[in-house]
């Protein structure tokens, strides 16, 4: 069913008008970013989701859609003359709370990372975020996993994020992994929820304290001499201790937090 409509000056009777707001405008292609309103001819009936994504903007970035002043969901089918305003999700985004476009919230924060942002999974695990990753997963498998396991899919692949089965996801803007981490911290408001060095950066399992005497045969001489606090991964048996590598990671976390505060402004 069509919403009440009004054709704007300069708009063809068989077209719709679209306005992309806020953080969505930079996602438009080329000169379209400079146009306050876009007109789109309706060649056949389709959903507003597909109409928006014809401009290469994944539905995962959309926070609200208004048609002729009325809120609609992704299933709405545009009619000639519709005036459509599309708004981005506004940080901090909380996928664990229901919204008009996403009435089924996630039970908890859990991320799924694809190969385009592979290094990001290490940094997310470093700050304690549950993050799934396997380089061999195909786009089809990633989409299914995101839906079945209740994950937020993180990618720079717009085509992947446009898959209908994906409800929660984010198109990563930056190419730098530390900036990507800062982007996620700011976007999902994670700064107060971090639990650094609580997960295995190799396999994602939660680390467990380990007695030094149980690990002695596995430790290098200098490690045995200078360190007494150890953790062990129950998933892959990797051993962790607060050495120089930990100091380097702490600096990365501090840098990411600082950048995230800048992004929030």
Protein backbone atom coordinates (compact mmCIF):
# COMPACT_ATOMS: atom_id res chain seq x y z
CA UNK A 1 0.00 0.00 0.00
CA UNK A 2 1.33 3.44 -0.94
CA UNK A 3 1.77 6.23 1.56
CA UNK A 4 0.08 9.58 0.93
CA UNK A 5 2.19 11.28 -1.73
CA UNK A 6 2.91 14.61 -3.30
CA UNK A 7 4.88 15.12 -6.51
CA UNK A 8 7.65 17.72 -6.21
CA UNK A 9 8.42 20.34 -8.86
CA UNK A 10 10.70 18.90 -11.51
CA UNK A 11 9.79 15.33 -10.65
CA UNK A 12 8.36 13.06 -13.30
CA UNK A 13 4.99 11.57 -12.39
CA UNK A 14 6.39 8.03 -12.57
CA UNK A 15 9.41 8.71 -10.36
CA UNK A 16 10.15 8.96 -6.66
CA UNK A 17 12.30 11.50 -4.85
CA UNK A 18 15.00 10.39 -2.41
CA UNK A 19 17.01 12.35 0.12
CA UNK A 20 19.98 10.69 1.81
CA UNK A 21 20.96 12.33 5.08
CA UNK A 22 24.02 12.52 7.33
CA UNK A 23 26.65 9.81 7.07
CA UNK A 24 24.84 8.22 4.11
CA UNK A 25 25.63 11.02 1.66
CA UNK A 26 29.37 10.24 1.44
CA UNK A 27 28.42 6.68 0.48
CA UNK A 28 26.72 7.85 -2.71
CA UNK A 29 28.69 7.56 -5.92
CA UNK A 30 30.46 10.55 -7.51
CA UNK A 31 28.37 13.62 -8.28
CA UNK A 32 25.29 12.15 -6.58
CA UNK A 33 26.79 13.22 -3.25
CA UNK A 34 26.31 16.86 -4.23
CA UNK A 35 22.63 16.52 -5.11
CA UNK A 36 20.22 17.31 -2.25
CA UNK A 37 17.49 15.19 -3.82
CA UNK A 38 17.68 12.31 -6.25
CA UNK A 39 14.92 11.17 -8.59
CA UNK A 40 14.48 7.53 -9.41
CA UNK A 41 12.18 6.06 -12.05
CA UNK A 42 10.09 3.08 -11.01
CA UNK A 43 10.44 0.52 -13.77
CA UNK A 44 8.81 -2.20 -11.66
CA UNK A 45 7.50 -2.72 -8.15
CA UNK A 46 10.23 -3.40 -5.65
CA UNK A 47 10.96 -2.91 -1.97
CA UNK A 48 12.38 0.30 -0.55
CA UNK A 49 15.36 -1.79 0.59
CA UNK A 50 16.21 -2.72 -2.98
CA UNK A 51 15.58 0.83 -4.16
CA UNK A 52 18.00 2.27 -1.59
CA UNK A 53 20.59 -0.38 -2.34
CA UNK A 54 20.45 0.42 -6.06
CA UNK A 55 22.49 3.46 -4.97
CA UNK A 56 25.10 1.00 -3.51
CA UNK A 57 24.25 1.85 0.11
CA UNK A 58 23.78 -1.34 2.19
CA UNK A 59 20.61 -1.55 4.28
CA UNK A 60 22.81 -2.25 7.31
CA UNK A 61 23.68 1.49 7.35
CA UNK A 62 20.06 2.67 7.45
CA UNK A 63 18.52 3.83 10.73
CA UNK A 64 15.15 5.20 9.59
CA UNK A 65 13.08 5.65 6.43
CA UNK A 66 10.33 8.22 6.02
CA UNK A 67 7.92 8.17 3.07
CA UNK A 68 5.76 11.27 2.72
CA UNK A 69 6.30 11.95 6.41
CA UNK A 70 5.46 8.44 7.63
CA UNK A 71 7.93 5.84 8.92
CA UNK A 72 8.16 2.65 6.88
CA UNK A 73 10.19 -0.54 7.09
CA UNK A 74 12.37 -2.21 4.47
CA UNK A 75 9.43 -4.09 2.94
CA UNK A 76 7.57 -0.96 1.80
CA UNK A 77 7.11 -0.76 -1.97
CA UNK A 78 7.55 2.79 -3.32
CA UNK A 79 4.84 4.34 -5.46
CA UNK A 80 5.15 7.08 -8.11
CA UNK A 81 5.42 10.48 -6.47
CA UNK A 82 6.72 9.22 -3.13
CA UNK A 83 9.05 11.56 -1.27
CA UNK A 84 11.52 9.40 0.62
CA UNK A 85 14.00 10.45 3.27
CA UNK A 86 16.65 7.98 4.39
CA UNK A 87 18.56 8.47 7.62
CA UNK A 88 21.68 6.69 8.93
CA UNK A 89 22.05 4.80 12.17
CA UNK A 90 23.24 7.27 14.80
CA UNK A 91 26.12 6.22 17.10
CA UNK A 92 26.27 4.82 19.64
CA UNK A 93 24.34 2.03 17.93
CA UNK A 94 22.95 -0.65 20.25
CA UNK A 95 21.97 -3.80 18.29
CA UNK A 96 20.79 -5.37 21.56
CA UNK A 97 17.80 -3.03 21.69
CA UNK A 98 14.82 -3.38 19.31
CA UNK A 99 14.10 -0.66 16.76
CA UNK A 100 11.46 -0.02 14.10
CA UNK A 101 13.64 -1.37 11.28
CA UNK A 102 15.17 -4.14 13.40
CA UNK A 103 12.54 -5.35 15.87
CA UNK A 104 14.53 -8.49 16.78
CA UNK A 105 17.55 -7.37 18.83
CA UNK A 106 20.72 -9.39 19.25
CA UNK A 107 21.05 -11.27 22.56
CA UNK A 108 24.60 -9.96 22.98
CA UNK A 109 27.37 -8.21 21.07
CA UNK A 110 29.17 -10.60 18.81
CA UNK A 111 31.14 -9.65 15.72
CA UNK A 112 31.84 -11.51 12.49
CA UNK A 113 34.73 -10.26 10.35
CA UNK A 114 35.38 -10.99 6.68
CA UNK A 115 38.72 -11.18 4.85
CA UNK A 116 38.50 -7.55 3.71
CA UNK A 117 39.09 -6.40 7.29
CA UNK A 118 40.89 -9.50 8.57
CA UNK A 119 43.33 -7.72 10.89
CA UNK A 120 40.43 -6.04 12.66
CA UNK A 121 39.48 -9.36 14.27
CA UNK A 122 42.82 -9.42 16.15
CA UNK A 123 42.26 -5.94 17.57
CA UNK A 124 38.64 -6.64 18.50
CA UNK A 125 39.69 -9.78 20.35
CA UNK A 126 42.48 -7.78 21.96
CA UNK A 127 39.91 -5.47 23.61
CA UNK A 128 37.79 -8.44 24.69
CA UNK A 129 35.13 -8.48 21.96
CA UNK A 130 33.72 -11.85 20.87
CA UNK A 131 34.81 -11.97 17.21
CA UNK A 132 34.44 -14.81 14.72
CA UNK A 133 36.70 -15.17 11.69
CA UNK A 134 37.77 -17.85 9.25
CA UNK A 135 39.51 -16.84 6.01
CA UNK A 136 37.88 -19.68 4.04
CA UNK A 137 34.29 -18.60 4.73
CA UNK A 138 32.50 -17.57 1.54
CA UNK A 139 30.11 -14.61 1.33
CA UNK A 140 27.19 -17.04 1.44
CA UNK A 141 28.55 -18.67 4.58
CA UNK A 142 29.25 -15.32 6.23
CA UNK A 143 25.70 -14.16 5.62
CA UNK A 144 24.27 -17.39 7.04
CA UNK A 145 26.55 -17.26 10.08
CA UNK A 146 25.60 -13.65 10.78
CA UNK A 147 21.94 -14.61 10.78
CA UNK A 148 22.19 -17.96 12.56
CA UNK A 149 24.64 -16.96 15.29
CA UNK A 150 23.35 -13.45 15.86
CA UNK A 151 26.49 -11.59 14.76
CA UNK A 152 27.27 -8.08 13.57
CA UNK A 153 28.97 -8.53 10.21
CA UNK A 154 31.87 -6.14 9.63
CA UNK A 155 33.13 -5.66 6.08
CA UNK A 156 34.21 -3.20 3.41
CA UNK A 157 32.27 -5.23 0.84
CA UNK A 158 29.03 -3.40 0.03
CA UNK A 159 27.69 -6.32 -1.98
CA UNK A 160 28.05 -8.69 0.96
CA UNK A 161 26.26 -6.33 3.36
CA UNK A 162 23.36 -5.90 0.91
CA UNK A 163 22.32 -9.54 1.38
CA UNK A 164 18.78 -9.58 2.76
CA UNK A 165 19.47 -12.23 5.39
CA UNK A 166 21.90 -9.90 7.19
CA UNK A 167 20.12 -7.72 9.75
CA UNK A 168 23.06 -6.32 11.70
CA UNK A 169 26.26 -5.17 10.04
CA UNK A 170 28.50 -2.22 9.39
CA UNK A 171 30.35 -0.98 6.33
CA UNK A 172 33.87 -0.21 7.55
CA UNK A 173 35.06 3.13 6.19
CA UNK A 174 38.76 3.16 7.06
CA UNK A 175 41.50 1.02 5.49
CA UNK A 176 43.80 1.23 8.54
CA UNK A 177 43.18 -1.51 11.17
CA UNK A 178 43.72 0.74 14.21
CA UNK A 179 41.37 3.34 12.72
CA UNK A 180 38.91 0.54 11.98
CA UNK A 181 39.03 -0.47 15.65
CA UNK A 182 38.45 3.15 16.69
CA UNK A 183 35.54 3.33 14.25
CA UNK A 184 33.87 0.27 15.82
CA UNK A 185 34.47 1.51 19.38
CA UNK A 186 32.85 4.85 18.53
CA UNK A 187 30.03 3.43 16.38
CA UNK A 188 28.87 0.87 18.93
CA UNK A 189 29.79 2.85 22.06
CA UNK A 190 32.24 0.24 23.33
CA UNK A 191 34.60 2.44 25.34
CA UNK A 192 32.94 1.54 28.64
CA UNK A 193 32.59 -2.15 27.78
CA UNK A 194 36.15 -3.12 27.01
CA UNK A 195 37.85 -6.05 28.72
CA UNK A 196 41.34 -5.97 27.20
CA UNK A 197 43.48 -9.11 27.04
CA UNK A 198 40.68 -11.40 28.19
CA UNK A 199 40.45 -13.35 24.90
CA UNK A 200 42.84 -15.33 22.78
CA UNK A 201 43.72 -13.23 19.76
CA UNK A 202 44.36 -16.42 17.80
CA UNK A 203 41.13 -18.38 18.34
CA UNK A 204 38.77 -16.02 20.26
CA UNK A 205 38.33 -18.24 23.37
CA UNK A 206 38.26 -16.62 26.83
CA UNK A 207 41.62 -16.95 28.59
CA UNK A 208 42.00 -18.77 31.88
CA UNK A 209 44.59 -18.14 34.63
CA UNK A 210 47.37 -20.70 34.63
CA UNK A 211 49.83 -21.64 37.39
CA UNK A 212 53.44 -20.94 36.46
CA UNK A 213 54.63 -24.30 37.78
CA UNK A 214 52.31 -26.10 35.36
CA UNK A 215 53.81 -24.21 32.40
CA UNK A 216 57.54 -24.39 33.25
CA UNK A 217 58.42 -27.02 30.59
CA UNK A 218 56.79 -24.82 27.95
CA UNK A 219 58.46 -21.50 28.85
CA UNK A 220 61.65 -19.97 27.52
CA UNK A 221 64.40 -19.40 30.16
CA UNK A 222 64.01 -15.61 30.30
CA UNK A 223 60.20 -15.91 30.49
CA UNK A 224 60.53 -18.32 33.44
CA UNK A 225 62.93 -15.93 35.15
CA UNK A 226 61.12 -12.60 34.79
CA UNK A 227 57.37 -13.38 34.70
CA UNK A 228 55.02 -15.00 37.20
CA UNK A 229 51.52 -14.24 35.88
CA UNK A 230 50.26 -16.40 33.05
CA UNK A 231 47.06 -17.16 31.17
CA UNK A 232 46.30 -20.07 28.89
CA UNK A 233 43.79 -20.42 26.07
CA UNK A 234 41.53 -23.47 26.54
CA UNK A 235 40.89 -23.52 22.81
CA UNK A 236 44.37 -23.60 21.28
CA UNK A 237 46.67 -23.84 24.38
CA UNK A 238 48.44 -20.56 23.52
CA UNK A 239 50.15 -19.06 26.60
CA UNK A 240 49.98 -15.34 27.46
CA UNK A 241 51.93 -13.20 29.94
CA UNK A 242 52.36 -9.43 30.45
CA UNK A 243 55.58 -9.00 28.47
CA UNK A 244 56.79 -6.37 26.00
CA UNK A 245 54.24 -7.55 23.43
CA UNK A 246 51.52 -6.66 25.94
CA UNK A 247 52.95 -3.13 26.31
CA UNK A 248 52.75 -2.66 22.53
CA UNK A 249 49.13 -3.83 22.48
CA UNK A 250 48.23 -1.50 25.36
CA UNK A 251 49.54 1.41 23.30
CA UNK A 252 47.33 0.31 20.40
CA UNK A 253 44.28 0.22 22.67
CA UNK A 254 45.05 3.71 24.01
CA UNK A 255 45.50 5.02 20.46
CA UNK A 256 42.22 3.47 19.31
CA UNK A 257 40.34 4.91 22.29
CA UNK A 258 41.77 8.35 21.60
CA UNK A 259 40.76 8.17 17.94
CA UNK A 260 37.28 6.93 18.87
CA UNK A 261 36.70 10.01 21.02
CA UNK A 262 37.58 12.20 18.03
CA UNK A 263 35.14 10.25 15.83
CA UNK A 264 32.32 10.72 18.34
CA UNK A 265 32.56 14.52 18.09
